[in-house]
Amino acid sequence: FQVITESDKCMHALSALVREMDRRLKMFASVLCRNIDMFNGRKTAEHEEALREFFGEDFRESEDIPNSVPYIVVVMDEIERLVFLLGEDFIALIKKLTACGRAAGIHLIVATRYANDQTLPFPLRECFRYRVAFKTCTQEESRILLNSPDAAVLCGRGDMLIYNNNEELIRSQSAYLGAGKAEELVEFIKTKYPISNAVEVAAGIPFPRDSSSQDINSENAKLDDEELYKRALAVIRVRERASISLFQRMLNIGFNRASRLVDMLEERGIVGRRNSIGGLEIKVPLEVLREMD
C-alpha cells in the first residue's frame, strides 16, 4: 500500500519491480516452476519426486527459498502524465513488466482520462491484454481503447465495455463506490491481507519533470563532481545505459560538465568506449553497480 505521487519515484518503483520480477522468475526456475501458481502450490509429493528425478536424489531445496510469495498489484492513475514526463523509458519498463510479470505474480492496472495517440501510444496500449472503457466522447477515443467505436454510444453511469486479446467486447455494468466506501474497502483489505515481502523503492536521482523547472538546474550546478558521480551511477543503475546526452537530461547539467562526468566514469573503469550511436559501454556488471555507493 505504498503510495507514490512523484514521477521520479515512479520510475524507481517500476525498476524495483522489474528486479523483483527477475528475481522471482529465477527462483521459480530453480525449483522447476514456471509461474507463481506452480511455485506457491509446489509442496506436493509429485513435485518433490520431479525435483529429485531432475536434480538427483540428494537435492535439497535452499533454505532461502520461501514456501510462497505474495501477488503484487500496481495501480497507476493519470498515466498520460507519466507518458508525457518520462517518455520511452517509462514505456520500456511497462513492456518488461507486462511481458513476464504475470508469471511472477506482478499485475498492473492503469487508468487515464484522455485517450489519444500521444497519451496512450500504440506500444503502450498493446502491453495490456484487457482494457475497460466507459462512455467516450468520440469514436476515435473508443477505437484507441477498444479497437472499436462502440464505447462512444454507451449510456453512461457505469455502462462499460471490456476488451480482451481475442478482440471480443463484453458489455458490463460497474458499481459506484463513494470515497467513504472506498476507504472502508482499503482498510478491510489491509487488515485481511497484511503486507509481506514488500518491494522497497530506493531513493535515487530525480527523473525528468517539466522542462521549464529551473530549481534542479541551479541545485545541480552547485554540486561537486563526486556528488554528481554518485548520481550518475544511480542513472546507470536505473536506466541500464550511459551517454553524455542521458546525463545531461537526467541530471540537468550542461554538455561540458556531462563530458567531464563521462571522463571520470572512464577513469574509474565504470564505462568504456563509445558506440556508433553515442552510447557508452558499461564495463561493470549492473549487479555490482547496485551495491556500490
C-alpha atoms as a PDB file:
ATOM      1  CA  PHE A   1       0.000   0.000   0.000  1.00  0.00           C
ATOM      2  CA  GLN A   2       2.888   2.336  -0.723  1.00  0.00           C
ATOM      3  CA  VAL A   3       1.520   5.485  -2.403  1.00  0.00           C
ATOM      4  CA  ILE A   4       3.841   7.321  -4.784  1.00  0.00           C
ATOM      5  CA  THR A   5       2.938  10.766  -6.097  1.00  0.00           C
ATOM      6  CA  GLU A   6       6.242  11.872  -7.680  1.00  0.00           C
ATOM      7  CA  SER A   7       7.157  10.866 -11.224  1.00  0.00           C
ATOM      8  CA  ASP A   8      10.848  10.239 -10.444  1.00  0.00           C
ATOM      9  CA  LYS A   9       9.958   7.829  -7.636  1.00  0.00           C
ATOM     10  CA  CYS A  10       7.545   6.097 -10.002  1.00  0.00           C
ATOM     11  CA  MET A  11      10.465   5.169 -12.258  1.00  0.00           C
ATOM     12  CA  HIS A  12      12.430   3.845  -9.299  1.00  0.00           C
ATOM     13  CA  ALA A  13       9.407   1.800  -8.197  1.00  0.00           C
ATOM     14  CA  LEU A  14       8.956   0.263 -11.655  1.00  0.00           C
ATOM     15  CA  SER A  15      12.679  -0.529 -11.856  1.00  0.00           C
ATOM     16  CA  ALA A  16      12.470  -2.183  -8.432  1.00  0.00           C
ATOM     17  CA  LEU A  17       9.517  -4.264  -9.638  1.00  0.00           C
ATOM     18  CA  VAL A  18      11.434  -5.372 -12.733  1.00  0.00           C
ATOM     19  CA  ARG A  19      14.278  -6.553 -10.490  1.00  0.00           C
ATOM     20  CA  GLU A  20      11.777  -8.324  -8.222  1.00  0.00           C
ATOM     21  CA  MET A  21      10.199  -9.971 -11.269  1.00  0.00           C
ATOM     22  CA  ASP A  22      13.589 -11.223 -12.499  1.00  0.00           C
ATOM     23  CA  ARG A  23      14.484 -12.472  -9.004  1.00  0.00           C
ATOM     24  CA  ARG A  24      11.220 -14.374  -8.694  1.00  0.00           C
ATOM     25  CA  LEU A  25      11.436 -15.987 -12.121  1.00  0.00           C
ATOM     26  CA  LYS A  26      14.982 -17.215 -11.426  1.00  0.00           C
ATOM     27  CA  MET A  27      13.831 -18.563  -8.055  1.00  0.00           C
ATOM     28  CA  PHE A  28      10.850 -20.310  -9.671  1.00  0.00           C
ATOM     29  CA  ALA A  29      13.100 -21.901 -12.286  1.00  0.00           C
ATOM     30  CA  SER A  30      15.436 -23.211  -9.578  1.00  0.00           C
ATOM     31  CA  VAL A  31      12.605 -25.448  -8.311  1.00  0.00           C
ATOM     32  CA  LEU A  32      11.161 -26.313 -11.747  1.00  0.00           C
ATOM     33  CA  CYS A  33       8.224 -23.895 -11.579  1.00  0.00           C
ATOM     34  CA  ARG A  34       7.032 -21.776 -14.493  1.00  0.00           C
ATOM     35  CA  ASN A  35       4.836 -19.312 -12.620  1.00  0.00           C
ATOM     36  CA  ILE A  36       3.655 -18.167  -9.197  1.00  0.00           C
ATOM     37  CA  ASP A  37       0.765 -20.640  -9.032  1.00  0.00           C
ATOM     38  CA  MET A  38       3.085 -23.602  -9.539  1.00  0.00           C
ATOM     39  CA  PHE A  39       5.595 -22.152  -7.064  1.00  0.00           C
ATOM     40  CA  ASN A  40       3.081 -21.499  -4.281  1.00  0.00           C
ATOM     41  CA  GLY A  41       1.497 -24.941  -4.744  1.00  0.00           C
ATOM     42  CA  ARG A  42       4.670 -26.937  -5.279  1.00  0.00           C
ATOM     43  CA  LYS A  43       4.798 -28.683  -1.888  1.00  0.00           C
ATOM     44  CA  THR A  44       3.391 -31.947  -3.191  1.00  0.00           C
ATOM     45  CA  ALA A  45       4.802 -35.447  -3.393  1.00  0.00           C
ATOM     46  CA  GLU A  46       4.645 -35.351  -7.199  1.00  0.00           C
ATOM     47  CA  HIS A  47       6.670 -32.142  -7.415  1.00  0.00           C
ATOM     48  CA  GLU A  48       9.281 -33.300  -4.930  1.00  0.00           C
ATOM     49  CA  GLU A  49       9.637 -36.516  -6.922  1.00  0.00           C
ATOM     50  CA  ALA A  50      10.129 -34.470 -10.109  1.00  0.00           C
ATOM     51  CA  LEU A  51      12.839 -32.391  -8.401  1.00  0.00           C
ATOM     52  CA  ARG A  52      14.726 -35.495  -7.269  1.00  0.00           C
ATOM     53  CA  GLU A  53      14.413 -37.035 -10.699  1.00  0.00           C
ATOM     54  CA  PHE A  54      15.749 -33.877 -12.382  1.00  0.00           C
ATOM     55  CA  PHE A  55      18.471 -32.829  -9.898  1.00  0.00           C
ATOM     56  CA  GLY A  56      19.266 -36.176  -8.270  1.00  0.00           C
ATOM     57  CA  GLU A  57      18.298 -37.921  -5.067  1.00  0.00           C
ATOM     58  CA  ASP A  58      20.498 -35.667  -2.925  1.00  0.00           C
ATOM     59  CA  PHE A  59      18.691 -32.500  -3.999  1.00  0.00           C
ATOM     60  CA  ARG A  60      17.580 -30.246  -1.140  1.00  0.00           C
ATOM     61  CA  GLU A  61      15.722 -27.012  -1.656  1.00  0.00           C
ATOM     62  CA  SER A  62      17.634 -23.956  -0.430  1.00  0.00           C
ATOM     63  CA  GLU A  63      16.526 -22.541   2.910  1.00  0.00           C
ATOM     64  CA  ASP A  64      16.489 -19.080   1.325  1.00  0.00           C
ATOM     65  CA  ILE A  65      13.542 -20.039  -0.877  1.00  0.00           C
ATOM     66  CA  PRO A  66      10.214 -19.233   0.823  1.00  0.00           C
ATOM     67  CA  ASN A  67       7.233 -21.569   0.724  1.00  0.00           C
ATOM     68  CA  SER A  68       5.209 -18.935  -1.129  1.00  0.00           C
ATOM     69  CA  VAL A  69       5.395 -15.367  -2.420  1.00  0.00           C
ATOM     70  CA  PRO A  70       2.574 -12.795  -2.445  1.00  0.00           C
ATOM     71  CA  TYR A  71       0.931 -11.289  -5.506  1.00  0.00           C
ATOM     72  CA  ILE A  72       1.759  -7.661  -6.237  1.00  0.00           C
ATOM     73  CA  VAL A  73      -0.815  -5.359  -7.838  1.00  0.00           C
ATOM     74  CA  VAL A  74       0.347  -1.955  -9.082  1.00  0.00           C
ATOM     75  CA  VAL A  75      -2.292   0.719  -9.724  1.00  0.00           C
ATOM     76  CA  MET A  76      -1.301   3.801 -11.753  1.00  0.00           C
ATOM     77  CA  ASP A  77      -3.685   6.707 -12.264  1.00  0.00           C
ATOM     78  CA  GLU A  78      -3.290   9.596 -14.742  1.00  0.00           C
ATOM     79  CA  ILE A  79      -0.871   7.539 -16.803  1.00  0.00           C
ATOM     80  CA  GLU A  80      -0.924  10.155 -19.565  1.00  0.00           C
ATOM     81  CA  ARG A  81       1.159  12.488 -17.365  1.00  0.00           C
ATOM     82  CA  LEU A  82       3.766   9.786 -16.764  1.00  0.00           C
ATOM     83  CA  VAL A  83       3.980   9.150 -20.516  1.00  0.00           C
ATOM     84  CA  PHE A  84       4.455  12.884 -21.114  1.00  0.00           C
ATOM     85  CA  LEU A  85       7.114  13.335 -18.424  1.00  0.00           C
ATOM     86  CA  LEU A  86       9.039  10.070 -18.684  1.00  0.00           C
ATOM     87  CA  GLY A  87       8.563   9.018 -22.300  1.00  0.00           C
ATOM     88  CA  GLU A  88      10.165   5.928 -23.821  1.00  0.00           C
ATOM     89  CA  ASP A  89      11.978   4.859 -20.656  1.00  0.00           C
ATOM     90  CA  PHE A  90       8.658   4.604 -18.811  1.00  0.00           C
ATOM     91  CA  ILE A  91       7.053   2.629 -21.649  1.00  0.00           C
ATOM     92  CA  ALA A  92      10.072   0.265 -21.769  1.00  0.00           C
ATOM     93  CA  LEU A  93       9.625  -0.637 -18.084  1.00  0.00           C
ATOM     94  CA  ILE A  94       5.897  -1.214 -18.594  1.00  0.00           C
ATOM     95  CA  LYS A  95       6.712  -3.536 -21.504  1.00  0.00           C
ATOM     96  CA  LYS A  96       9.074  -5.584 -19.342  1.00  0.00           C
ATOM     97  CA  LEU A  97       6.545  -5.922 -16.536  1.00  0.00           C
ATOM     98  CA  THR A  98       3.614  -6.844 -18.777  1.00  0.00           C
ATOM     99  CA  ALA A  99       5.701  -9.347 -20.762  1.00  0.00           C
ATOM    100  CA  CYS A 100       6.703 -11.570 -17.813  1.00  0.00           C
ATOM    101  CA  GLY A 101       5.164 -10.002 -14.716  1.00  0.00           C
ATOM    102  CA  ARG A 102       2.037 -12.145 -14.763  1.00  0.00           C
ATOM    103  CA  ALA A 103       4.071 -15.331 -14.332  1.00  0.00           C
ATOM    104  CA  ALA A 104       5.872 -13.697 -11.401  1.00  0.00           C
ATOM    105  CA  GLY A 105       2.613 -12.612  -9.756  1.00  0.00           C
ATOM    106  CA  ILE A 106       3.011  -8.906 -10.617  1.00  0.00           C
ATOM    107  CA  HIS A 107      -0.006  -7.239 -12.215  1.00  0.00           C
ATOM    108  CA  LEU A 108      -0.553  -3.694 -13.492  1.00  0.00           C
ATOM    109  CA  ILE A 109      -3.750  -1.634 -13.536  1.00  0.00           C
ATOM    110  CA  VAL A 110      -3.527   1.752 -15.269  1.00  0.00           C
ATOM    111  CA  ALA A 111      -6.122   4.479 -15.761  1.00  0.00           C
ATOM    112  CA  THR A 112      -6.379   7.643 -17.845  1.00  0.00           C
ATOM    113  CA  ARG A 113      -8.940  10.339 -18.543  1.00  0.00           C
ATOM    114  CA  TYR A 114      -7.603  11.101 -22.005  1.00  0.00           C
ATOM    115  CA  ALA A 115      -7.237   8.575 -24.806  1.00  0.00           C
ATOM    116  CA  ASN A 116      -5.272   9.627 -27.854  1.00  0.00           C
ATOM    117  CA  ASP A 117      -2.100   8.594 -29.659  1.00  0.00           C
ATOM    118  CA  GLN A 118       0.019  10.926 -27.501  1.00  0.00           C
ATOM    119  CA  THR A 119      -1.281   9.901 -24.070  1.00  0.00           C
ATOM    120  CA  LEU A 120      -1.688   6.208 -24.987  1.00  0.00           C
ATOM    121  CA  PRO A 121       0.792   5.435 -27.775  1.00  0.00           C
ATOM    122  CA  PHE A 122       0.334   2.153 -29.598  1.00  0.00           C
ATOM    123  CA  PRO A 123       3.346   0.369 -27.987  1.00  0.00           C
ATOM    124  CA  LEU A 124       1.913   1.133 -24.538  1.00  0.00           C
ATOM    125  CA  ARG A 125      -1.693   0.091 -25.074  1.00  0.00           C
ATOM    126  CA  GLU A 126      -0.619  -3.114 -26.779  1.00  0.00           C
ATOM    127  CA  CYS A 127       1.001  -4.158 -23.486  1.00  0.00           C
ATOM    128  CA  PHE A 128      -2.371  -4.739 -21.831  1.00  0.00           C
ATOM    129  CA  ARG A 129      -4.397  -7.858 -22.559  1.00  0.00           C
ATOM    130  CA  TYR A 130      -7.581  -6.486 -21.069  1.00  0.00           C
ATOM    131  CA  ARG A 131      -8.943  -2.960 -21.384  1.00  0.00           C
ATOM    132  CA  VAL A 132     -12.052  -1.343 -19.939  1.00  0.00           C
ATOM    133  CA  ALA A 133     -13.754   1.745 -21.372  1.00  0.00           C
ATOM    134  CA  PHE A 134     -16.654   3.772 -20.050  1.00  0.00           C
ATOM    135  CA  LYS A 135     -18.527   6.127 -22.336  1.00  0.00           C
ATOM    136  CA  THR A 136     -16.097   8.079 -24.528  1.00  0.00           C
ATOM    137  CA  CYS A 137     -16.647  11.481 -26.097  1.00  0.00           C
ATOM    138  CA  THR A 138     -15.664  10.370 -29.594  1.00  0.00           C
ATOM    139  CA  GLN A 139     -15.469   7.206 -31.658  1.00  0.00           C
ATOM    140  CA  GLU A 140     -11.736   7.802 -32.122  1.00  0.00           C
ATOM    141  CA  GLU A 141     -11.145   7.580 -28.358  1.00  0.00           C
ATOM    142  CA  SER A 142     -13.133   4.354 -28.313  1.00  0.00           C
ATOM    143  CA  ARG A 143     -11.065   2.887 -31.164  1.00  0.00           C
ATOM    144  CA  ILE A 144      -7.832   3.697 -29.323  1.00  0.00           C
ATOM    145  CA  LEU A 145      -9.057   1.941 -26.177  1.00  0.00           C
ATOM    146  CA  LEU A 146     -11.006  -0.974 -27.633  1.00  0.00           C
ATOM    147  CA  ASN A 147     -10.260  -1.169 -31.384  1.00  0.00           C
ATOM    148  CA  SER A 148     -13.971  -0.452 -31.768  1.00  0.00           C
ATOM    149  CA  PRO A 149     -16.157   2.702 -31.857  1.00  0.00           C
ATOM    150  CA  ASP A 150     -18.807   1.164 -29.588  1.00  0.00           C
ATOM    151  CA  ALA A 151     -17.816   2.922 -26.341  1.00  0.00           C
ATOM    152  CA  ALA A 152     -18.975   6.232 -27.838  1.00  0.00           C
ATOM    153  CA  VAL A 153     -22.612   5.065 -27.728  1.00  0.00           C
ATOM    154  CA  LEU A 154     -22.701   3.690 -24.169  1.00  0.00           C
ATOM    155  CA  CYS A 155     -25.367   5.033 -21.825  1.00  0.00           C
ATOM    156  CA  GLY A 156     -23.026   6.346 -19.118  1.00  0.00           C
ATOM    157  CA  ARG A 157     -23.333   5.869 -15.311  1.00  0.00           C
ATOM    158  CA  GLY A 158     -21.240   2.705 -15.088  1.00  0.00           C
ATOM    159  CA  ASP A 159     -22.069   1.303 -18.517  1.00  0.00           C
ATOM    160  CA  MET A 160     -18.800  -0.120 -19.830  1.00  0.00           C
ATOM    161  CA  LEU A 161     -17.135  -2.408 -22.346  1.00  0.00           C
ATOM    162  CA  ILE A 162     -14.366  -4.923 -21.623  1.00  0.00           C
ATOM    163  CA  TYR A 163     -11.910  -5.840 -24.374  1.00  0.00           C
ATOM    164  CA  ASN A 164      -9.555  -8.829 -24.403  1.00  0.00           C
ATOM    165  CA  ASN A 165      -6.904 -10.072 -26.781  1.00  0.00           C
ATOM    166  CA  ASN A 166      -9.422 -12.231 -28.618  1.00  0.00           C
ATOM    167  CA  GLU A 167     -10.997  -8.956 -29.779  1.00  0.00           C
ATOM    168  CA  GLU A 168     -14.222  -9.797 -28.002  1.00  0.00           C
ATOM    169  CA  LEU A 169     -16.236  -6.993 -26.400  1.00  0.00           C
ATOM    170  CA  ILE A 170     -18.152  -7.751 -23.225  1.00  0.00           C
ATOM    171  CA  ARG A 171     -20.705  -5.224 -22.038  1.00  0.00           C
ATOM    172  CA  SER A 172     -20.887  -4.852 -18.285  1.00  0.00           C
ATOM    173  CA  GLN A 173     -22.104  -2.574 -15.510  1.00  0.00           C
ATOM    174  CA  SER A 174     -19.773  -1.002 -12.957  1.00  0.00           C
ATOM    175  CA  ALA A 175     -20.976  -0.267  -9.430  1.00  0.00           C
ATOM    176  CA  TYR A 176     -20.483   3.197  -7.940  1.00  0.00           C
ATOM    177  CA  LEU A 177     -18.179   3.327  -4.929  1.00  0.00           C
ATOM    178  CA  GLY A 178     -18.066   6.583  -2.979  1.00  0.00           C
ATOM    179  CA  ALA A 179     -14.966   7.882  -1.177  1.00  0.00           C
ATOM    180  CA  GLY A 180     -16.141   6.622   2.228  1.00  0.00           C
ATOM    181  CA  LYS A 181     -16.856   3.111   0.991  1.00  0.00           C
ATOM    182  CA  ALA A 182     -13.548   3.033  -0.889  1.00  0.00           C
ATOM    183  CA  GLU A 183     -11.646   3.831   2.306  1.00  0.00           C
ATOM    184  CA  GLU A 184     -13.553   1.137   4.193  1.00  0.00           C
ATOM    185  CA  LEU A 185     -12.696  -1.387   1.492  1.00  0.00           C
ATOM    186  CA  VAL A 186      -8.989  -0.466   1.576  1.00  0.00           C
ATOM    187  CA  GLU A 187      -8.889  -0.775   5.367  1.00  0.00           C
ATOM    188  CA  PHE A 188     -10.593  -4.181   5.170  1.00  0.00           C
ATOM    189  CA  ILE A 189      -8.067  -5.431   2.595  1.00  0.00           C
ATOM    190  CA  LYS A 190      -5.109  -4.088   4.631  1.00  0.00           C
ATOM    191  CA  THR A 191      -6.400  -5.934   7.696  1.00  0.00           C
ATOM    192  CA  LYS A 192      -7.170  -9.195   5.915  1.00  0.00           C
ATOM    193  CA  TYR A 193      -4.036  -9.231   3.740  1.00  0.00           C
ATOM    194  CA  PRO A 194      -1.168  -7.520   5.600  1.00  0.00           C
ATOM    195  CA  ILE A 195       1.858  -6.539   3.583  1.00  0.00           C
ATOM    196  CA  SER A 196       4.629  -9.123   3.438  1.00  0.00           C
ATOM    197  CA  ASN A 197       7.906  -9.059   1.498  1.00  0.00           C
ATOM    198  CA  ALA A 198       7.242  -5.500   0.381  1.00  0.00           C
ATOM    199  CA  VAL A 199       9.306  -4.273  -2.583  1.00  0.00           C
ATOM    200  CA  GLU A 200      11.332  -1.317  -1.344  1.00  0.00           C
ATOM    201  CA  VAL A 201      11.731   1.732  -3.580  1.00  0.00           C
ATOM    202  CA  ALA A 202      15.241   3.044  -3.035  1.00  0.00           C
ATOM    203  CA  ALA A 203      15.857   6.778  -3.074  1.00  0.00           C
ATOM    204  CA  GLY A 204      17.579   7.903  -6.237  1.00  0.00           C
ATOM    205  CA  ILE A 205      18.300  10.690  -8.631  1.00  0.00           C
ATOM    206  CA  PRO A 206      15.477  12.943  -9.871  1.00  0.00           C
ATOM    207  CA  PHE A 207      13.889  11.876 -13.137  1.00  0.00           C
ATOM    208  CA  PRO A 208      12.747  14.421 -15.747  1.00  0.00           C
ATOM    209  CA  ARG A 209       9.927  16.682 -14.734  1.00  0.00           C
ATOM    210  CA  ASP A 210       8.696  19.676 -16.695  1.00  0.00           C
ATOM    211  CA  SER A 211      11.448  21.041 -18.910  1.00  0.00           C
ATOM    212  CA  SER A 212      10.750  24.511 -17.525  1.00  0.00           C
ATOM    213  CA  SER A 213      11.804  23.661 -13.969  1.00  0.00           C
ATOM    214  CA  GLN A 214      14.914  25.643 -13.059  1.00  0.00           C
ATOM    215  CA  ASP A 215      15.322  24.651  -9.415  1.00  0.00           C
ATOM    216  CA  ILE A 216      17.020  21.357 -10.322  1.00  0.00           C
ATOM    217  CA  ASN A 217      19.402  23.106 -12.710  1.00  0.00           C
ATOM    218  CA  SER A 218      20.513  25.623 -10.093  1.00  0.00           C
ATOM    219  CA  GLU A 219      20.820  22.896  -7.437  1.00  0.00           C
ATOM    220  CA  ASN A 220      22.928  20.596  -9.594  1.00  0.00           C
ATOM    221  CA  ALA A 221      25.175  23.477 -10.663  1.00  0.00           C
ATOM    222  CA  LYS A 222      26.336  23.706  -7.049  1.00  0.00           C
ATOM    223  CA  LEU A 223      27.076  20.004  -6.636  1.00  0.00           C
ATOM    224  CA  ASP A 224      30.696  18.919  -6.641  1.00  0.00           C
ATOM    225  CA  ASP A 225      31.989  16.307  -9.069  1.00  0.00           C
ATOM    226  CA  GLU A 226      31.884  13.488  -6.509  1.00  0.00           C
ATOM    227  CA  GLU A 227      28.204  14.059  -5.783  1.00  0.00           C
ATOM    228  CA  LEU A 228      27.402  14.157  -9.488  1.00  0.00           C
ATOM    229  CA  TYR A 229      29.438  10.972  -9.921  1.00  0.00           C
ATOM    230  CA  LYS A 230      27.198   9.218  -7.363  1.00  0.00           C
ATOM    231  CA  ARG A 231      24.103  10.470  -9.154  1.00  0.00           C
ATOM    232  CA  ALA A 232      25.499   9.288 -12.482  1.00  0.00           C
ATOM    233  CA  LEU A 233      25.915   5.791 -11.002  1.00  0.00           C
ATOM    234  CA  ALA A 234      22.258   5.936  -9.946  1.00  0.00           C
ATOM    235  CA  VAL A 235      21.291   6.880 -13.518  1.00  0.00           C
ATOM    236  CA  ILE A 236      23.195   3.894 -14.909  1.00  0.00           C
ATOM    237  CA  ARG A 237      21.682   1.529 -12.322  1.00  0.00           C
ATOM    238  CA  VAL A 238      18.125   2.581 -13.175  1.00  0.00           C
ATOM    239  CA  ARG A 239      18.386   3.178 -16.930  1.00  0.00           C
ATOM    240  CA  GLU A 240      20.899   0.387 -17.580  1.00  0.00           C
ATOM    241  CA  ARG A 241      22.745   2.539 -20.128  1.00  0.00           C
ATOM    242  CA  ALA A 242      25.019   5.572 -20.210  1.00  0.00           C
ATOM    243  CA  SER A 243      25.674   8.510 -22.540  1.00  0.00           C
ATOM    244  CA  ILE A 244      26.508  12.201 -22.356  1.00  0.00           C
ATOM    245  CA  SER A 245      23.017  13.196 -23.515  1.00  0.00           C
ATOM    246  CA  LEU A 246      21.431  10.915 -20.903  1.00  0.00           C
ATOM    247  CA  PHE A 247      23.424  12.558 -18.091  1.00  0.00           C
ATOM    248  CA  GLN A 248      22.542  16.000 -19.422  1.00  0.00           C
ATOM    249  CA  ARG A 249      18.856  15.185 -19.388  1.00  0.00           C
ATOM    250  CA  MET A 250      18.688  13.188 -16.167  1.00  0.00           C
ATOM    251  CA  LEU A 251      20.984  15.383 -14.076  1.00  0.00           C
ATOM    252  CA  ASN A 252      20.048  18.695 -15.721  1.00  0.00           C
ATOM    253  CA  ILE A 253      23.643  19.703 -16.414  1.00  0.00           C
ATOM    254  CA  GLY A 254      25.376  21.165 -19.431  1.00  0.00           C
ATOM    255  CA  PHE A 255      27.337  19.357 -22.131  1.00  0.00           C
ATOM    256  CA  ASN A 256      30.783  20.294 -20.781  1.00  0.00           C
ATOM    257  CA  ARG A 257      30.020  19.071 -17.273  1.00  0.00           C
ATOM    258  CA  ALA A 258      28.422  15.865 -18.611  1.00  0.00           C
ATOM    259  CA  SER A 259      31.595  15.276 -20.668  1.00  0.00           C
ATOM    260  CA  ARG A 260      33.785  15.672 -17.579  1.00  0.00           C
ATOM    261  CA  LEU A 261      31.491  13.273 -15.753  1.00  0.00           C
ATOM    262  CA  VAL A 262      31.967  10.671 -18.507  1.00  0.00           C
ATOM    263  CA  ASP A 263      35.748  11.159 -18.306  1.00  0.00           C
ATOM    264  CA  MET A 264      35.560  10.461 -14.558  1.00  0.00           C
ATOM    265  CA  LEU A 265      33.493   7.320 -15.160  1.00  0.00           C
ATOM    266  CA  GLU A 266      36.015   6.130 -17.749  1.00  0.00           C
ATOM    267  CA  GLU A 267      38.970   6.755 -15.418  1.00  0.00           C
ATOM    268  CA  ARG A 268      37.309   4.687 -12.697  1.00  0.00           C
ATOM    269  CA  GLY A 269      36.536   1.818 -15.056  1.00  0.00           C
ATOM    270  CA  ILE A 270      32.743   2.163 -14.986  1.00  0.00           C
ATOM    271  CA  VAL A 271      32.231   2.869 -18.693  1.00  0.00           C
ATOM    272  CA  GLY A 272      34.294   2.212 -21.783  1.00  0.00           C
ATOM    273  CA  ARG A 273      34.333   3.072 -25.444  1.00  0.00           C
ATOM    274  CA  ARG A 274      31.514   4.864 -27.232  1.00  0.00           C
ATOM    275  CA  ASN A 275      29.357   3.008 -29.723  1.00  0.00           C
ATOM    276  CA  SER A 276      28.079   4.241 -33.099  1.00  0.00           C
ATOM    277  CA  ILE A 277      25.005   5.941 -31.608  1.00  0.00           C
ATOM    278  CA  GLY A 278      26.802   7.812 -28.848  1.00  0.00           C
ATOM    279  CA  GLY A 279      26.168   5.378 -26.017  1.00  0.00           C
ATOM    280  CA  LEU A 280      28.843   4.086 -23.679  1.00  0.00           C
ATOM    281  CA  GLU A 281      29.850   0.536 -22.924  1.00  0.00           C
ATOM    282  CA  ILE A 282      29.091  -0.313 -19.280  1.00  0.00           C
ATOM    283  CA  LYS A 283      32.089  -2.321 -18.078  1.00  0.00           C
ATOM    284  CA  VAL A 284      30.870  -3.127 -14.562  1.00  0.00           C
ATOM    285  CA  PRO A 285      28.010  -5.655 -14.161  1.00  0.00           C
ATOM    286  CA  LEU A 286      24.763  -3.985 -13.088  1.00  0.00           C
ATOM    287  CA  GLU A 287      24.562  -6.287 -10.051  1.00  0.00           C
ATOM    288  CA  VAL A 288      27.890  -4.855  -8.844  1.00  0.00           C
ATOM    289  CA  LEU A 289      26.827  -1.284  -9.608  1.00  0.00           C
ATOM    290  CA  ARG A 290      23.696  -1.683  -7.489  1.00  0.00           C
ATOM    291  CA  GLU A 291      25.892  -2.491  -4.496  1.00  0.00           C
ATOM    292  CA  MET A 292      28.191   0.499  -4.991  1.00  0.00           C
ATOM    293  CA  ASP A 293      27.695   3.784  -3.134  1.00  0.00           C
END
